[in-house]
Amino acid sequence: MAAALMNKNGDDIFAGKSVEPLAFKTQVVAGINYFVKVRISNYIFHVRIYQRLPHENKAPEVVRVIGPKSETEPIEYFERSI
């Protein structure tokens, strides 16, 4: 997940950092969307993860990361892309 967070030079700014999930919400679609609030270092991000239906045999995929956010900001629905 953190590997998707690059600076403008393309460097992975969170390489080797732990990812701590803080809270989540789910949305049932043709699969499940997980909206997860995570802490990486001293930053809070909201991450959208899509899990396909079980018969598709696909791994969950991180489809969008937004932030940094405040720790008190609620988790809300957000689109796959801008």
C-alpha atoms as a PDB file:
ATOM      1  CA  MET A   1       0.000   0.000   0.000  1.00  0.00           C
ATOM      2  CA  ALA A   2       2.635   2.525   0.995  1.00  0.00           C
ATOM      3  CA  ALA A   3       4.520   1.807  -2.227  1.00  0.00           C
ATOM      4  CA  ALA A   4       1.828   3.795  -4.075  1.00  0.00           C
ATOM      5  CA  LEU A   5       2.943   6.956  -2.255  1.00  0.00           C
ATOM      6  CA  MET A   6       5.664   8.558  -4.331  1.00  0.00           C
ATOM      7  CA  ASN A   7       7.137  12.039  -4.288  1.00  0.00           C
ATOM      8  CA  LYS A   8       7.494  14.108  -7.462  1.00  0.00           C
ATOM      9  CA  ASN A   9      10.851  12.430  -8.208  1.00  0.00           C
ATOM     10  CA  GLY A  10       9.247   8.988  -8.140  1.00  0.00           C
ATOM     11  CA  ASP A  11      10.891   8.039  -4.838  1.00  0.00           C
ATOM     12  CA  ASP A  12       8.937   5.837  -2.440  1.00  0.00           C
ATOM     13  CA  ILE A  13       8.589   8.171   0.544  1.00  0.00           C
ATOM     14  CA  PHE A  14       7.391   5.451   2.937  1.00  0.00           C
ATOM     15  CA  ALA A  15       9.728   2.575   2.064  1.00  0.00           C
ATOM     16  CA  GLY A  16      10.236   0.388   5.119  1.00  0.00           C
ATOM     17  CA  LYS A  17       7.561   2.173   7.185  1.00  0.00           C
ATOM     18  CA  SER A  18       4.829   0.289   8.983  1.00  0.00           C
ATOM     19  CA  VAL A  19       1.188   0.786   8.036  1.00  0.00           C
ATOM     20  CA  GLU A  20      -1.220   0.928  10.978  1.00  0.00           C
ATOM     21  CA  PRO A  21      -4.947   0.608  10.174  1.00  0.00           C
ATOM     22  CA  LEU A  22      -7.001   2.895  12.427  1.00  0.00           C
ATOM     23  CA  ALA A  23     -10.585   2.483  11.178  1.00  0.00           C
ATOM     24  CA  PHE A  24     -12.526   1.295   8.141  1.00  0.00           C
ATOM     25  CA  LYS A  25     -15.881   1.274   6.382  1.00  0.00           C
ATOM     26  CA  THR A  26     -17.135  -1.085   3.712  1.00  0.00           C
ATOM     27  CA  GLN A  27     -19.360  -0.744   0.665  1.00  0.00           C
ATOM     28  CA  VAL A  28     -20.847  -3.817  -1.016  1.00  0.00           C
ATOM     29  CA  VAL A  29     -20.773  -3.590  -4.817  1.00  0.00           C
ATOM     30  CA  ALA A  30     -19.839  -6.338  -7.291  1.00  0.00           C
ATOM     31  CA  GLY A  31     -17.254  -7.161  -4.629  1.00  0.00           C
ATOM     32  CA  ILE A  32     -16.379  -5.032  -1.608  1.00  0.00           C
ATOM     33  CA  ASN A  33     -14.847  -1.568  -1.364  1.00  0.00           C
ATOM     34  CA  TYR A  34     -12.899  -0.997   1.846  1.00  0.00           C
ATOM     35  CA  PHE A  35     -12.270   2.595   2.881  1.00  0.00           C
ATOM     36  CA  VAL A  36      -9.461   2.442   5.436  1.00  0.00           C
ATOM     37  CA  LYS A  37      -7.889   5.169   7.563  1.00  0.00           C
ATOM     38  CA  VAL A  38      -4.201   4.309   8.069  1.00  0.00           C
ATOM     39  CA  ARG A  39      -1.210   5.815   9.827  1.00  0.00           C
ATOM     40  CA  ILE A  40       2.115   5.694   8.013  1.00  0.00           C
ATOM     41  CA  SER A  41       4.874   7.357  10.046  1.00  0.00           C
ATOM     42  CA  ASN A  42       3.300  10.577  11.339  1.00  0.00           C
ATOM     43  CA  TYR A  43       0.791  10.851   8.499  1.00  0.00           C
ATOM     44  CA  ILE A  44      -2.837   9.753   8.170  1.00  0.00           C
ATOM     45  CA  PHE A  45      -4.176   8.590   4.785  1.00  0.00           C
ATOM     46  CA  HIS A  46      -7.501   7.268   3.544  1.00  0.00           C
ATOM     47  CA  VAL A  47      -7.096   4.243   1.299  1.00  0.00           C
ATOM     48  CA  ARG A  48      -9.655   2.668  -1.009  1.00  0.00           C
ATOM     49  CA  ILE A  49      -9.161  -1.087  -1.507  1.00  0.00           C
ATOM     50  CA  TYR A  50     -11.302  -3.165  -3.868  1.00  0.00           C
ATOM     51  CA  GLN A  51     -11.844  -6.882  -3.225  1.00  0.00           C
ATOM     52  CA  ARG A  52     -13.380  -8.722  -6.177  1.00  0.00           C
ATOM     53  CA  LEU A  53     -15.937 -11.495  -5.769  1.00  0.00           C
ATOM     54  CA  PRO A  54     -14.455 -14.791  -4.491  1.00  0.00           C
ATOM     55  CA  HIS A  55     -15.020 -16.737  -7.737  1.00  0.00           C
ATOM     56  CA  GLU A  56     -12.713 -14.301  -9.589  1.00  0.00           C
ATOM     57  CA  ASN A  57      -9.663 -15.478  -7.581  1.00  0.00           C
ATOM     58  CA  LYS A  58      -8.048 -12.017  -7.622  1.00  0.00           C
ATOM     59  CA  ALA A  59      -6.072 -10.325  -4.855  1.00  0.00           C
ATOM     60  CA  PRO A  60      -7.436  -7.118  -3.300  1.00  0.00           C
ATOM     61  CA  GLU A  61      -6.157  -3.992  -5.030  1.00  0.00           C
ATOM     62  CA  VAL A  62      -5.414  -0.521  -3.706  1.00  0.00           C
ATOM     63  CA  VAL A  63      -7.262   1.755  -6.094  1.00  0.00           C
ATOM     64  CA  ARG A  64      -6.657   5.161  -4.502  1.00  0.00           C
ATOM     65  CA  VAL A  65      -4.848   6.819  -1.622  1.00  0.00           C
ATOM     66  CA  ILE A  66      -5.747  10.337  -0.483  1.00  0.00           C
ATOM     67  CA  GLY A  67      -4.126  12.499   2.132  1.00  0.00           C
ATOM     68  CA  PRO A  68      -2.520  13.417   4.303  1.00  0.00           C
ATOM     69  CA  LYS A  69      -5.655  13.755   6.428  1.00  0.00           C
ATOM     70  CA  SER A  70      -6.291  14.693  10.046  1.00  0.00           C
ATOM     71  CA  GLU A  71      -6.789  11.879  12.526  1.00  0.00           C
ATOM     72  CA  THR A  72     -10.256  13.206  13.365  1.00  0.00           C
ATOM     73  CA  GLU A  73     -11.451  13.432   9.759  1.00  0.00           C
ATOM     74  CA  PRO A  74     -14.187  10.829   9.163  1.00  0.00           C
ATOM     75  CA  ILE A  75     -13.828   8.111   6.558  1.00  0.00           C
ATOM     76  CA  GLU A  76     -16.135   8.863   3.645  1.00  0.00           C
ATOM     77  CA  TYR A  77     -16.780   7.463   0.188  1.00  0.00           C
ATOM     78  CA  PHE A  78     -14.368   8.696  -2.494  1.00  0.00           C
ATOM     79  CA  GLU A  79     -14.033   7.885  -6.184  1.00  0.00           C
ATOM     80  CA  ARG A  80     -11.452   5.534  -7.693  1.00  0.00           C
ATOM     81  CA  SER A  81      -9.694   8.411  -9.438  1.00  0.00           C
ATOM     82  CA  ILE A  82      -9.750  12.176  -9.575  1.00  0.00           C
END
